[in-house]
Amino acid sequence: MIKSQNLLNEVESKELLKKAGIPVVEAKLAQSKKEAISISKEMGFPVVLKISSPDVIHKSDSGGVELRLANATQVGKAYNEIISSVKQAYPEAQIEGVSVQPMAPSGVEVIVGMSKDPQFGPVLMFGLGGILVEVLKDVSFRIVPVTARDAREMIREIKGYPILEGYRGQKPASIPALEKLIVKVSQFIEKNPQIKELDLNPIFAYPDKAIAVDARIILE
């Protein structure tokens, strides 16, 4: 069972998703600069640092994300800068620390999300990810449970589908990997009815696989 706090941090969210067989980029919580450096060395460079706080939803906007950190010196500096920036932007924010994760190679960015509709219950969403989801709002929806056929249709319904096929020389995304991931998320939600919202954004889709880079779970 999932513990009953309202918002799970990225590390907790990813641990649950991983247990459910949903591919995620590993993340560990560092509560000090020394710990961040130690975890980074253990994971191998380059790494990404992200603020871990229940009060900070858009991490990038508050200076809460540092990418492509290539050594211990950069990690130490980034840790201090993240904590300082977030405290300045959100003086009242509860800061748990900073999540450390390996820097994943860029792929096609997609989103899989879930929210609860008062009438229909859990509804799954798929679309192009990153900031594109906010700008284009090019998404498709299905009521949970989502079958393999539903997942296939969801992916093909979005206007940005040609991007997933490898538009203008871009590498294509693995459609079977995305279909499988959507179905696994649907099964995960069915087994955990206390989940109110879920966001996997972005998911990096590659020619051979798809993996969630960031994750957020909110409970009832």
N, C-alpha and C. Protein backbone atom coordinates (compact mmCIF):
# COMPACT_ATOMS: atom_id res chain seq x y z
N MET A 1 0.84 -1.21 0.00
CA MET A 1 0.00 0.00 0.00
C MET A 1 0.87 1.26 0.00
N ILE A 2 0.32 2.30 -0.60
CA ILE A 2 1.01 3.59 -0.64
C ILE A 2 0.75 4.32 0.67
N LYS A 3 1.76 5.01 1.18
CA LYS A 3 1.57 5.76 2.42
C LYS A 3 0.62 6.93 2.18
N SER A 4 0.02 7.44 3.25
CA SER A 4 -1.13 8.33 3.08
C SER A 4 -0.83 9.82 3.16
N GLN A 5 0.39 10.24 2.80
CA GLN A 5 0.60 11.68 2.68
C GLN A 5 0.06 12.12 1.32
N ASN A 6 -0.22 13.42 1.15
CA ASN A 6 -0.90 13.87 -0.07
C ASN A 6 -0.03 13.85 -1.31
N LEU A 7 1.19 14.38 -1.18
CA LEU A 7 2.04 14.49 -2.37
C LEU A 7 3.32 13.68 -2.16
N LEU A 8 3.54 12.73 -3.05
CA LEU A 8 4.78 11.95 -2.97
C LEU A 8 5.86 12.71 -3.73
N ASN A 9 7.08 12.72 -3.18
CA ASN A 9 8.15 13.39 -3.93
C ASN A 9 8.58 12.51 -5.10
N GLU A 10 9.48 13.05 -5.91
CA GLU A 10 9.89 12.34 -7.13
C GLU A 10 10.50 10.98 -6.83
N VAL A 11 11.33 10.93 -5.80
CA VAL A 11 12.01 9.68 -5.44
C VAL A 11 10.98 8.62 -5.03
N GLU A 12 10.03 9.00 -4.16
CA GLU A 12 8.98 8.07 -3.71
C GLU A 12 8.09 7.64 -4.88
N SER A 13 7.72 8.60 -5.72
CA SER A 13 6.86 8.29 -6.88
C SER A 13 7.54 7.27 -7.80
N LYS A 14 8.82 7.52 -8.07
CA LYS A 14 9.54 6.63 -8.99
C LYS A 14 9.74 5.23 -8.41
N GLU A 15 9.92 5.15 -7.10
CA GLU A 15 10.08 3.82 -6.47
C GLU A 15 8.82 2.98 -6.68
N LEU A 16 7.66 3.61 -6.50
CA LEU A 16 6.38 2.91 -6.69
C LEU A 16 6.17 2.51 -8.14
N LEU A 17 6.47 3.42 -9.05
CA LEU A 17 6.30 3.15 -10.47
C LEU A 17 7.21 2.01 -10.93
N LYS A 18 8.44 2.04 -10.44
CA LYS A 18 9.41 1.00 -10.79
C LYS A 18 8.93 -0.38 -10.33
N LYS A 19 8.38 -0.43 -9.10
CA LYS A 19 7.84 -1.70 -8.59
C LYS A 19 6.69 -2.21 -9.44
N ALA A 20 5.96 -1.27 -10.07
CA ALA A 20 4.83 -1.64 -10.92
C ALA A 20 5.27 -1.99 -12.34
N GLY A 21 6.59 -1.98 -12.59
CA GLY A 21 7.10 -2.34 -13.91
C GLY A 21 7.08 -1.21 -14.92
N ILE A 22 6.92 0.03 -14.42
CA ILE A 22 6.92 1.20 -15.31
C ILE A 22 8.35 1.75 -15.36
N PRO A 23 8.96 1.85 -16.55
CA PRO A 23 10.36 2.27 -16.63
C PRO A 23 10.56 3.74 -16.23
N VAL A 24 11.46 3.97 -15.29
CA VAL A 24 11.77 5.32 -14.81
C VAL A 24 13.28 5.50 -14.71
N VAL A 25 13.74 6.76 -14.83
CA VAL A 25 15.14 7.07 -14.57
C VAL A 25 15.30 7.12 -13.05
N GLU A 26 16.23 6.34 -12.53
CA GLU A 26 16.45 6.26 -11.07
C GLU A 26 16.71 7.65 -10.48
N ALA A 27 16.16 7.90 -9.29
CA ALA A 27 16.42 9.16 -8.59
C ALA A 27 16.64 8.87 -7.11
N LYS A 28 17.60 9.58 -6.51
CA LYS A 28 17.86 9.43 -5.07
C LYS A 28 17.83 10.81 -4.42
N LEU A 29 17.36 10.86 -3.18
CA LEU A 29 17.25 12.13 -2.47
C LEU A 29 18.55 12.44 -1.72
N ALA A 30 19.06 13.64 -1.95
CA ALA A 30 20.24 14.13 -1.22
C ALA A 30 19.80 15.28 -0.32
N GLN A 31 20.16 15.21 0.97
CA GLN A 31 19.74 16.26 1.92
C GLN A 31 20.89 17.17 2.31
N SER A 32 22.00 17.01 1.62
CA SER A 32 23.14 17.91 1.82
C SER A 32 23.99 17.92 0.55
N LYS A 33 24.86 18.92 0.45
CA LYS A 33 25.76 19.01 -0.70
C LYS A 33 26.67 17.78 -0.76
N LYS A 34 27.18 17.38 0.39
CA LYS A 34 28.08 16.22 0.47
C LYS A 34 27.38 14.95 -0.04
N GLU A 35 26.11 14.80 0.37
CA GLU A 35 25.33 13.62 -0.05
C GLU A 35 25.07 13.65 -1.56
N ALA A 36 24.80 14.84 -2.09
CA ALA A 36 24.55 14.98 -3.54
C ALA A 36 25.78 14.57 -4.34
N ILE A 37 26.95 14.98 -3.86
CA ILE A 37 28.22 14.63 -4.54
C ILE A 37 28.46 13.13 -4.47
N SER A 38 28.22 12.56 -3.30
CA SER A 38 28.43 11.12 -3.09
C SER A 38 27.52 10.29 -4.00
N ILE A 39 26.23 10.66 -4.07
CA ILE A 39 25.27 9.93 -4.92
C ILE A 39 25.66 10.07 -6.40
N SER A 40 26.08 11.27 -6.78
CA SER A 40 26.48 11.53 -8.18
C SER A 40 27.64 10.63 -8.60
N LYS A 41 28.63 10.53 -7.71
CA LYS A 41 29.81 9.68 -8.01
C LYS A 41 29.38 8.22 -8.15
N GLU A 42 28.46 7.80 -7.30
CA GLU A 42 27.95 6.43 -7.31
C GLU A 42 27.20 6.15 -8.62
N MET A 43 26.38 7.12 -9.07
CA MET A 43 25.58 6.95 -10.29
C MET A 43 26.43 7.08 -11.55
N GLY A 44 27.42 7.95 -11.49
CA GLY A 44 28.24 8.24 -12.68
C GLY A 44 27.75 9.49 -13.38
N PHE A 45 28.68 10.32 -13.80
CA PHE A 45 28.35 11.60 -14.45
C PHE A 45 28.04 11.37 -15.93
N PRO A 46 27.28 12.28 -16.58
CA PRO A 46 26.66 13.48 -16.04
C PRO A 46 25.37 13.18 -15.28
N VAL A 47 25.01 14.09 -14.38
CA VAL A 47 23.80 13.93 -13.58
C VAL A 47 22.92 15.18 -13.67
N VAL A 48 21.70 15.03 -13.15
CA VAL A 48 20.74 16.13 -13.05
C VAL A 48 20.36 16.29 -11.58
N LEU A 49 20.29 17.53 -11.11
CA LEU A 49 19.78 17.81 -9.76
C LEU A 49 18.45 18.55 -9.88
N LYS A 50 17.48 18.15 -9.05
CA LYS A 50 16.16 18.80 -9.05
C LYS A 50 15.70 19.01 -7.62
N ILE A 51 15.10 20.16 -7.36
CA ILE A 51 14.59 20.45 -6.02
C ILE A 51 13.52 19.43 -5.65
N SER A 52 13.49 19.02 -4.39
CA SER A 52 12.43 18.14 -3.89
C SER A 52 11.67 18.91 -2.82
N SER A 53 10.47 19.35 -3.19
CA SER A 53 9.63 20.13 -2.27
C SER A 53 8.17 19.97 -2.64
N PRO A 54 7.30 19.69 -1.65
CA PRO A 54 5.87 19.57 -1.95
C PRO A 54 5.25 20.91 -2.37
N ASP A 55 5.96 22.00 -2.12
CA ASP A 55 5.42 23.34 -2.42
C ASP A 55 5.90 23.90 -3.76
N VAL A 56 6.76 23.16 -4.45
CA VAL A 56 7.29 23.65 -5.74
C VAL A 56 6.88 22.68 -6.83
N ILE A 57 5.89 23.09 -7.63
CA ILE A 57 5.39 22.23 -8.71
C ILE A 57 6.22 22.41 -9.97
N HIS A 58 6.39 23.66 -10.42
CA HIS A 58 7.19 23.93 -11.63
C HIS A 58 8.63 24.20 -11.22
N LYS A 59 9.41 23.13 -11.18
CA LYS A 59 10.78 23.21 -10.63
C LYS A 59 11.69 24.14 -11.43
N SER A 60 11.60 24.07 -12.76
CA SER A 60 12.50 24.88 -13.61
C SER A 60 12.28 26.37 -13.42
N ASP A 61 11.01 26.77 -13.24
CA ASP A 61 10.67 28.20 -13.15
C ASP A 61 11.31 28.88 -11.94
N SER A 62 11.63 28.09 -10.91
CA SER A 62 12.19 28.68 -9.68
C SER A 62 13.69 28.44 -9.56
N GLY A 63 14.33 28.03 -10.67
CA GLY A 63 15.77 27.72 -10.62
C GLY A 63 16.06 26.43 -9.88
N GLY A 64 15.06 25.53 -9.87
CA GLY A 64 15.18 24.29 -9.09
C GLY A 64 15.71 23.10 -9.86
N VAL A 65 16.24 23.32 -11.09
CA VAL A 65 16.76 22.21 -11.89
C VAL A 65 18.11 22.60 -12.48
N GLU A 66 19.08 21.68 -12.39
CA GLU A 66 20.40 21.89 -13.03
C GLU A 66 20.73 20.62 -13.82
N LEU A 67 21.03 20.81 -15.11
CA LEU A 67 21.27 19.67 -16.01
C LEU A 67 22.76 19.51 -16.36
N ARG A 68 23.08 18.34 -16.87
CA ARG A 68 24.41 18.04 -17.45
C ARG A 68 25.57 18.40 -16.52
N LEU A 69 25.48 17.98 -15.27
CA LEU A 69 26.56 18.25 -14.31
C LEU A 69 27.62 17.16 -14.47
N ALA A 70 28.83 17.60 -14.83
CA ALA A 70 29.85 16.65 -15.30
C ALA A 70 30.86 16.20 -14.25
N ASN A 71 30.86 16.85 -13.06
CA ASN A 71 31.83 16.46 -12.03
C ASN A 71 31.35 16.91 -10.65
N ALA A 72 32.10 16.51 -9.63
CA ALA A 72 31.72 16.78 -8.23
C ALA A 72 31.64 18.28 -7.93
N THR A 73 32.55 19.07 -8.50
CA THR A 73 32.56 20.52 -8.28
C THR A 73 31.27 21.15 -8.79
N GLN A 74 30.87 20.75 -10.00
CA GLN A 74 29.63 21.28 -10.59
C GLN A 74 28.41 20.88 -9.76
N VAL A 75 28.41 19.66 -9.26
CA VAL A 75 27.29 19.17 -8.44
C VAL A 75 27.17 19.98 -7.15
N GLY A 76 28.31 20.20 -6.48
CA GLY A 76 28.31 20.98 -5.24
C GLY A 76 27.79 22.39 -5.45
N LYS A 77 28.25 23.02 -6.51
CA LYS A 77 27.83 24.39 -6.84
C LYS A 77 26.33 24.41 -7.18
N ALA A 78 25.89 23.43 -7.97
CA ALA A 78 24.48 23.36 -8.38
C ALA A 78 23.57 23.14 -7.17
N TYR A 79 24.01 22.30 -6.23
CA TYR A 79 23.21 22.05 -5.03
C TYR A 79 22.94 23.36 -4.29
N ASN A 80 24.01 24.12 -4.05
CA ASN A 80 23.88 25.40 -3.33
C ASN A 80 22.99 26.38 -4.09
N GLU A 81 23.17 26.44 -5.40
CA GLU A 81 22.39 27.38 -6.22
C GLU A 81 20.90 27.03 -6.23
N ILE A 82 20.61 25.75 -6.32
CA ILE A 82 19.20 25.31 -6.32
C ILE A 82 18.51 25.68 -5.01
N ILE A 83 19.14 25.33 -3.89
CA ILE A 83 18.55 25.62 -2.57
C ILE A 83 18.34 27.13 -2.43
N SER A 84 19.35 27.91 -2.80
CA SER A 84 19.29 29.37 -2.69
C SER A 84 18.18 29.95 -3.57
N SER A 85 18.10 29.52 -4.84
CA SER A 85 17.09 30.03 -5.78
C SER A 85 15.68 29.73 -5.31
N VAL A 86 15.47 28.50 -4.85
CA VAL A 86 14.12 28.10 -4.43
C VAL A 86 13.70 28.84 -3.16
N LYS A 87 14.64 29.01 -2.23
CA LYS A 87 14.32 29.76 -0.99
C LYS A 87 13.94 31.20 -1.32
N GLN A 88 14.59 31.75 -2.34
CA GLN A 88 14.30 33.12 -2.76
C GLN A 88 12.92 33.20 -3.42
N ALA A 89 12.62 32.23 -4.28
CA ALA A 89 11.35 32.21 -5.02
C ALA A 89 10.17 31.82 -4.12
N TYR A 90 10.42 30.87 -3.22
CA TYR A 90 9.36 30.38 -2.32
C TYR A 90 9.88 30.37 -0.88
N PRO A 91 9.89 31.53 -0.21
CA PRO A 91 10.46 31.61 1.14
C PRO A 91 9.80 30.66 2.15
N GLU A 92 8.52 30.33 1.92
CA GLU A 92 7.79 29.48 2.87
C GLU A 92 7.88 27.99 2.51
N ALA A 93 8.50 27.67 1.39
CA ALA A 93 8.50 26.28 0.91
C ALA A 93 9.22 25.33 1.86
N GLN A 94 8.63 24.16 2.01
CA GLN A 94 9.28 23.09 2.77
C GLN A 94 10.22 22.36 1.80
N ILE A 95 11.51 22.41 2.09
CA ILE A 95 12.50 21.79 1.20
C ILE A 95 12.98 20.48 1.80
N GLU A 96 12.76 19.38 1.06
CA GLU A 96 13.18 18.06 1.55
C GLU A 96 14.64 17.78 1.19
N GLY A 97 15.10 18.44 0.14
CA GLY A 97 16.47 18.21 -0.34
C GLY A 97 16.48 18.35 -1.85
N VAL A 98 17.37 17.62 -2.49
CA VAL A 98 17.50 17.68 -3.94
C VAL A 98 17.56 16.24 -4.47
N SER A 99 16.80 15.96 -5.53
CA SER A 99 16.89 14.62 -6.12
C SER A 99 18.02 14.60 -7.14
N VAL A 100 18.74 13.50 -7.13
CA VAL A 100 19.88 13.31 -8.05
C VAL A 100 19.54 12.16 -8.98
N GLN A 101 19.74 12.37 -10.28
CA GLN A 101 19.49 11.28 -11.23
C GLN A 101 20.45 11.35 -12.40
N PRO A 102 20.71 10.21 -13.05
CA PRO A 102 21.58 10.24 -14.23
C PRO A 102 20.95 11.10 -15.33
N MET A 103 21.77 11.77 -16.11
CA MET A 103 21.30 12.59 -17.24
C MET A 103 20.94 11.64 -18.38
N ALA A 104 19.64 11.53 -18.67
CA ALA A 104 19.20 10.64 -19.76
C ALA A 104 19.42 11.31 -21.10
N PRO A 105 19.83 10.56 -22.14
CA PRO A 105 19.96 11.15 -23.47
C PRO A 105 18.60 11.67 -23.94
N SER A 106 18.59 12.75 -24.70
CA SER A 106 17.32 13.32 -25.18
C SER A 106 16.59 12.33 -26.09
N GLY A 107 15.27 12.32 -25.94
CA GLY A 107 14.42 11.53 -26.83
C GLY A 107 13.22 12.38 -27.20
N VAL A 108 12.25 11.79 -27.87
CA VAL A 108 11.00 12.50 -28.14
C VAL A 108 10.25 12.61 -26.80
N GLU A 109 9.85 13.83 -26.44
CA GLU A 109 9.21 14.04 -25.12
C GLU A 109 7.69 13.85 -25.22
N VAL A 110 7.19 12.93 -24.39
CA VAL A 110 5.74 12.74 -24.30
C VAL A 110 5.32 12.78 -22.83
N ILE A 111 4.00 12.88 -22.61
CA ILE A 111 3.46 12.89 -21.26
C ILE A 111 2.38 11.82 -21.12
N VAL A 112 2.36 11.16 -19.97
CA VAL A 112 1.22 10.32 -19.58
C VAL A 112 0.77 10.85 -18.22
N GLY A 113 -0.52 11.18 -18.14
CA GLY A 113 -1.03 11.74 -16.89
C GLY A 113 -2.36 11.11 -16.53
N MET A 114 -2.78 11.30 -15.29
CA MET A 114 -4.08 10.82 -14.85
C MET A 114 -4.68 11.82 -13.88
N SER A 115 -5.98 12.08 -14.06
CA SER A 115 -6.72 12.85 -13.05
C SER A 115 -8.08 12.18 -12.87
N LYS A 116 -8.75 12.52 -11.77
CA LYS A 116 -10.03 11.88 -11.49
C LYS A 116 -11.19 12.79 -11.89
N ASP A 117 -12.05 12.25 -12.75
CA ASP A 117 -13.25 12.96 -13.14
C ASP A 117 -14.37 12.59 -12.16
N PRO A 118 -15.15 13.59 -11.68
CA PRO A 118 -16.20 13.29 -10.69
C PRO A 118 -17.21 12.26 -11.19
N GLN A 119 -17.44 12.24 -12.51
CA GLN A 119 -18.43 11.34 -13.07
C GLN A 119 -17.84 10.00 -13.52
N PHE A 120 -16.68 10.06 -14.21
CA PHE A 120 -16.12 8.85 -14.83
C PHE A 120 -15.01 8.18 -14.04
N GLY A 121 -14.51 8.85 -13.01
CA GLY A 121 -13.40 8.28 -12.25
C GLY A 121 -12.06 8.58 -12.92
N PRO A 122 -11.06 7.69 -12.75
CA PRO A 122 -9.73 7.97 -13.30
C PRO A 122 -9.73 8.05 -14.83
N VAL A 123 -9.15 9.13 -15.34
CA VAL A 123 -9.05 9.33 -16.79
C VAL A 123 -7.57 9.49 -17.14
N LEU A 124 -7.10 8.71 -18.11
CA LEU A 124 -5.69 8.73 -18.52
C LEU A 124 -5.52 9.67 -19.72
N MET A 125 -4.40 10.39 -19.72
CA MET A 125 -4.11 11.33 -20.79
C MET A 125 -2.76 10.99 -21.42
N PHE A 126 -2.67 11.20 -22.74
CA PHE A 126 -1.40 11.04 -23.46
C PHE A 126 -1.21 12.22 -24.39
N GLY A 127 0.03 12.68 -24.54
CA GLY A 127 0.30 13.76 -25.49
C GLY A 127 1.79 14.01 -25.62
N LEU A 128 2.13 15.00 -26.43
CA LEU A 128 3.53 15.43 -26.50
C LEU A 128 3.88 16.08 -25.17
N GLY A 129 5.10 15.86 -24.70
CA GLY A 129 5.45 16.27 -23.34
C GLY A 129 6.29 17.52 -23.24
N GLY A 130 6.94 17.69 -22.07
CA GLY A 130 7.72 18.89 -21.79
C GLY A 130 6.79 20.09 -21.74
N ILE A 131 7.28 21.25 -22.21
CA ILE A 131 6.44 22.45 -22.20
C ILE A 131 5.40 22.41 -23.32
N LEU A 132 5.60 21.51 -24.30
CA LEU A 132 4.67 21.43 -25.43
C LEU A 132 3.25 21.11 -24.98
N VAL A 133 3.10 20.33 -23.92
CA VAL A 133 1.76 19.95 -23.47
C VAL A 133 0.98 21.19 -23.02
N GLU A 134 1.67 22.15 -22.40
CA GLU A 134 1.00 23.38 -21.94
C GLU A 134 0.69 24.31 -23.11
N VAL A 135 1.59 24.34 -24.10
CA VAL A 135 1.43 25.26 -25.23
C VAL A 135 0.41 24.73 -26.24
N LEU A 136 0.59 23.47 -26.65
CA LEU A 136 -0.23 22.92 -27.73
C LEU A 136 -1.52 22.26 -27.25
N LYS A 137 -1.50 21.76 -26.03
CA LYS A 137 -2.65 21.01 -25.48
C LYS A 137 -3.12 19.92 -26.47
N ASP A 138 -2.13 19.26 -27.08
CA ASP A 138 -2.40 18.22 -28.07
C ASP A 138 -2.40 16.87 -27.35
N VAL A 139 -3.57 16.52 -26.78
CA VAL A 139 -3.64 15.33 -25.93
C VAL A 139 -4.87 14.48 -26.27
N SER A 140 -4.80 13.21 -25.86
CA SER A 140 -5.95 12.31 -26.00
C SER A 140 -6.28 11.71 -24.64
N PHE A 141 -7.51 11.26 -24.46
CA PHE A 141 -7.97 10.77 -23.16
C PHE A 141 -8.69 9.42 -23.29
N ARG A 142 -8.58 8.60 -22.26
CA ARG A 142 -9.38 7.37 -22.13
C ARG A 142 -9.69 7.14 -20.65
N ILE A 143 -10.84 6.54 -20.41
CA ILE A 143 -11.21 6.17 -19.04
C ILE A 143 -10.48 4.88 -18.67
N VAL A 144 -9.96 4.84 -17.44
CA VAL A 144 -9.28 3.63 -16.93
C VAL A 144 -10.35 2.57 -16.64
N PRO A 145 -10.17 1.27 -16.95
CA PRO A 145 -8.94 0.66 -17.46
C PRO A 145 -8.73 0.88 -18.96
N VAL A 146 -7.46 1.02 -19.32
CA VAL A 146 -7.07 1.25 -20.72
C VAL A 146 -6.49 -0.05 -21.29
N THR A 147 -7.06 -0.52 -22.40
CA THR A 147 -6.58 -1.74 -23.04
C THR A 147 -5.43 -1.41 -24.00
N ALA A 148 -4.79 -2.44 -24.52
CA ALA A 148 -3.71 -2.24 -25.50
C ALA A 148 -4.26 -1.52 -26.74
N ARG A 149 -5.48 -1.86 -27.12
CA ARG A 149 -6.10 -1.21 -28.29
C ARG A 149 -6.36 0.27 -28.00
N ASP A 150 -6.85 0.57 -26.79
CA ASP A 150 -7.08 1.98 -26.39
C ASP A 150 -5.77 2.76 -26.46
N ALA A 151 -4.71 2.16 -25.92
CA ALA A 151 -3.40 2.82 -25.90
C ALA A 151 -2.92 3.13 -27.32
N ARG A 152 -3.11 2.16 -28.21
CA ARG A 152 -2.72 2.33 -29.62
C ARG A 152 -3.47 3.52 -30.24
N GLU A 153 -4.77 3.60 -29.96
CA GLU A 153 -5.60 4.68 -30.51
C GLU A 153 -5.22 6.03 -29.90
N MET A 154 -4.97 6.05 -28.59
CA MET A 154 -4.59 7.30 -27.90
C MET A 154 -3.36 7.94 -28.55
N ILE A 155 -2.38 7.10 -28.84
CA ILE A 155 -1.11 7.58 -29.42
C ILE A 155 -1.35 8.15 -30.82
N ARG A 156 -2.16 7.44 -31.61
CA ARG A 156 -2.38 7.85 -33.00
C ARG A 156 -3.36 9.03 -33.15
N GLU A 157 -4.11 9.31 -32.10
CA GLU A 157 -5.10 10.40 -32.16
C GLU A 157 -4.50 11.80 -32.10
N ILE A 158 -3.33 11.94 -31.48
CA ILE A 158 -2.79 13.30 -31.31
C ILE A 158 -2.28 13.85 -32.65
N LYS A 159 -2.41 15.15 -32.79
CA LYS A 159 -1.97 15.80 -34.05
C LYS A 159 -0.46 15.66 -34.25
N GLY A 160 0.28 15.54 -33.14
CA GLY A 160 1.74 15.43 -33.21
C GLY A 160 2.24 14.03 -33.50
N TYR A 161 1.34 13.10 -33.85
CA TYR A 161 1.76 11.71 -34.10
C TYR A 161 2.91 11.60 -35.11
N PRO A 162 2.94 12.41 -36.21
CA PRO A 162 4.06 12.32 -37.14
C PRO A 162 5.43 12.53 -36.48
N ILE A 163 5.47 13.32 -35.41
CA ILE A 163 6.74 13.53 -34.68
C ILE A 163 7.22 12.21 -34.07
N LEU A 164 6.26 11.41 -33.59
CA LEU A 164 6.61 10.11 -33.00
C LEU A 164 7.11 9.13 -34.07
N GLU A 165 6.67 9.32 -35.28
CA GLU A 165 7.09 8.43 -36.38
C GLU A 165 8.47 8.78 -36.93
N GLY A 166 9.02 9.93 -36.50
CA GLY A 166 10.33 10.34 -36.97
C GLY A 166 10.23 11.41 -38.03
N TYR A 167 9.70 12.56 -37.65
CA TYR A 167 9.45 13.65 -38.59
C TYR A 167 10.75 14.31 -39.04
N ARG A 168 10.91 14.50 -40.36
CA ARG A 168 12.06 15.20 -40.95
C ARG A 168 13.42 14.73 -40.42
N GLY A 169 13.62 13.44 -40.45
CA GLY A 169 14.93 12.91 -40.09
C GLY A 169 15.16 12.71 -38.61
N GLN A 170 14.18 13.12 -37.77
CA GLN A 170 14.31 12.86 -36.33
C GLN A 170 14.18 11.36 -36.10
N LYS A 171 14.82 10.88 -35.03
CA LYS A 171 14.68 9.44 -34.72
C LYS A 171 13.24 9.17 -34.25
N PRO A 172 12.65 8.07 -34.72
CA PRO A 172 11.28 7.77 -34.30
C PRO A 172 11.22 7.27 -32.86
N ALA A 173 10.04 7.35 -32.28
CA ALA A 173 9.80 6.79 -30.95
C ALA A 173 9.25 5.38 -31.11
N SER A 174 9.56 4.51 -30.15
CA SER A 174 9.01 3.15 -30.18
C SER A 174 7.54 3.20 -29.77
N ILE A 175 6.64 3.04 -30.73
CA ILE A 175 5.20 3.06 -30.44
C ILE A 175 4.82 1.87 -29.53
N PRO A 176 5.34 0.64 -29.81
CA PRO A 176 5.01 -0.48 -28.90
C PRO A 176 5.43 -0.21 -27.45
N ALA A 177 6.59 0.44 -27.25
CA ALA A 177 7.05 0.74 -25.88
C ALA A 177 6.10 1.73 -25.21
N LEU A 178 5.61 2.71 -25.96
CA LEU A 178 4.67 3.69 -25.41
C LEU A 178 3.32 3.04 -25.09
N GLU A 179 2.87 2.16 -25.98
CA GLU A 179 1.60 1.44 -25.74
C GLU A 179 1.69 0.63 -24.44
N LYS A 180 2.80 -0.07 -24.29
CA LYS A 180 3.02 -0.92 -23.10
C LYS A 180 3.05 -0.06 -21.83
N LEU A 181 3.73 1.09 -21.91
CA LEU A 181 3.84 1.99 -20.75
C LEU A 181 2.47 2.52 -20.34
N ILE A 182 1.65 2.92 -21.32
CA ILE A 182 0.30 3.44 -21.03
C ILE A 182 -0.54 2.38 -20.32
N VAL A 183 -0.50 1.14 -20.82
CA VAL A 183 -1.26 0.04 -20.21
C VAL A 183 -0.78 -0.22 -18.78
N LYS A 184 0.53 -0.20 -18.57
CA LYS A 184 1.09 -0.43 -17.22
C LYS A 184 0.65 0.67 -16.25
N VAL A 185 0.62 1.92 -16.73
CA VAL A 185 0.16 3.02 -15.88
C VAL A 185 -1.31 2.82 -15.51
N SER A 186 -2.13 2.41 -16.48
CA SER A 186 -3.55 2.13 -16.22
C SER A 186 -3.71 1.05 -15.16
N GLN A 187 -2.94 -0.02 -15.26
CA GLN A 187 -3.00 -1.12 -14.29
C GLN A 187 -2.57 -0.64 -12.90
N PHE A 188 -1.54 0.20 -12.86
CA PHE A 188 -1.03 0.76 -11.61
C PHE A 188 -2.12 1.60 -10.92
N ILE A 189 -2.85 2.39 -11.70
CA ILE A 189 -3.91 3.24 -11.15
C ILE A 189 -5.07 2.38 -10.63
N GLU A 190 -5.40 1.33 -11.37
CA GLU A 190 -6.48 0.42 -10.93
C GLU A 190 -6.16 -0.21 -9.58
N LYS A 191 -4.89 -0.57 -9.41
CA LYS A 191 -4.48 -1.24 -8.16
C LYS A 191 -4.34 -0.26 -7.00
N ASN A 192 -4.23 1.04 -7.30
CA ASN A 192 -4.04 2.05 -6.24
C ASN A 192 -5.09 3.16 -6.38
N PRO A 193 -6.35 2.85 -5.97
CA PRO A 193 -7.44 3.82 -6.16
C PRO A 193 -7.28 5.10 -5.35
N GLN A 194 -6.32 5.11 -4.41
CA GLN A 194 -6.11 6.33 -3.61
C GLN A 194 -5.31 7.40 -4.37
N ILE A 195 -4.85 7.08 -5.58
CA ILE A 195 -4.13 8.08 -6.39
C ILE A 195 -5.14 9.05 -7.00
N LYS A 196 -4.93 10.33 -6.73
CA LYS A 196 -5.83 11.38 -7.23
C LYS A 196 -5.32 11.95 -8.56
N GLU A 197 -3.98 12.13 -8.63
CA GLU A 197 -3.36 12.66 -9.86
C GLU A 197 -2.02 11.99 -10.06
N LEU A 198 -1.63 11.86 -11.33
CA LEU A 198 -0.32 11.30 -11.65
C LEU A 198 0.20 12.01 -12.89
N ASP A 199 1.47 12.35 -12.88
CA ASP A 199 2.09 13.01 -14.03
C ASP A 199 3.44 12.37 -14.32
N LEU A 200 3.61 11.84 -15.50
CA LEU A 200 4.93 11.40 -15.96
C LEU A 200 5.28 12.35 -17.10
N ASN A 201 6.08 13.37 -16.79
CA ASN A 201 6.39 14.41 -17.77
C ASN A 201 7.74 15.06 -17.47
N PRO A 202 8.70 14.90 -18.39
CA PRO A 202 8.54 14.19 -19.65
C PRO A 202 8.87 12.70 -19.52
N ILE A 203 8.34 11.95 -20.48
CA ILE A 203 8.81 10.60 -20.77
C ILE A 203 9.66 10.75 -22.02
N PHE A 204 10.88 10.22 -22.01
CA PHE A 204 11.72 10.23 -23.21
C PHE A 204 11.45 8.94 -23.99
N ALA A 205 11.00 9.11 -25.24
CA ALA A 205 10.74 7.96 -26.10
C ALA A 205 11.88 7.84 -27.11
N TYR A 206 12.46 6.64 -27.15
CA TYR A 206 13.57 6.33 -28.06
C TYR A 206 13.11 5.30 -29.10
N PRO A 207 13.94 4.99 -30.10
CA PRO A 207 13.54 4.00 -31.10
C PRO A 207 13.29 2.60 -30.52
N ASP A 208 13.88 2.31 -29.35
CA ASP A 208 13.77 0.96 -28.79
C ASP A 208 13.10 0.89 -27.42
N LYS A 209 12.80 2.06 -26.80
CA LYS A 209 12.22 2.02 -25.45
C LYS A 209 11.64 3.39 -25.09
N ALA A 210 10.97 3.45 -23.94
CA ALA A 210 10.47 4.73 -23.40
C ALA A 210 10.68 4.71 -21.89
N ILE A 211 11.11 5.85 -21.33
CA ILE A 211 11.42 5.90 -19.90
C ILE A 211 11.01 7.24 -19.30
N ALA A 212 10.37 7.20 -18.13
CA ALA A 212 9.91 8.43 -17.47
C ALA A 212 11.08 9.12 -16.78
N VAL A 213 11.29 10.38 -17.12
CA VAL A 213 12.40 11.16 -16.56
C VAL A 213 11.95 11.87 -15.28
N ASP A 214 10.70 12.32 -15.26
CA ASP A 214 10.16 12.99 -14.08
C ASP A 214 8.81 12.37 -13.73
N ALA A 215 8.48 12.35 -12.44
CA ALA A 215 7.22 11.72 -12.01
C ALA A 215 6.67 12.44 -10.78
N ARG A 216 5.34 12.53 -10.76
CA ARG A 216 4.68 13.16 -9.61
C ARG A 216 3.38 12.43 -9.33
N ILE A 217 3.15 12.08 -8.08
CA ILE A 217 1.91 11.41 -7.68
C ILE A 217 1.27 12.20 -6.54
N ILE A 218 -0.02 12.49 -6.68
CA ILE A 218 -0.80 13.14 -5.61
C ILE A 218 -1.88 12.16 -5.17
N LEU A 219 -2.02 12.02 -3.85
CA LEU A 219 -3.01 11.09 -3.29
C LEU A 219 -4.25 11.83 -2.84
N GLU A 220 -5.34 11.07 -2.68
CA GLU A 220 -6.62 11.64 -2.18
C GLU A 220 -6.38 12.26 -0.81
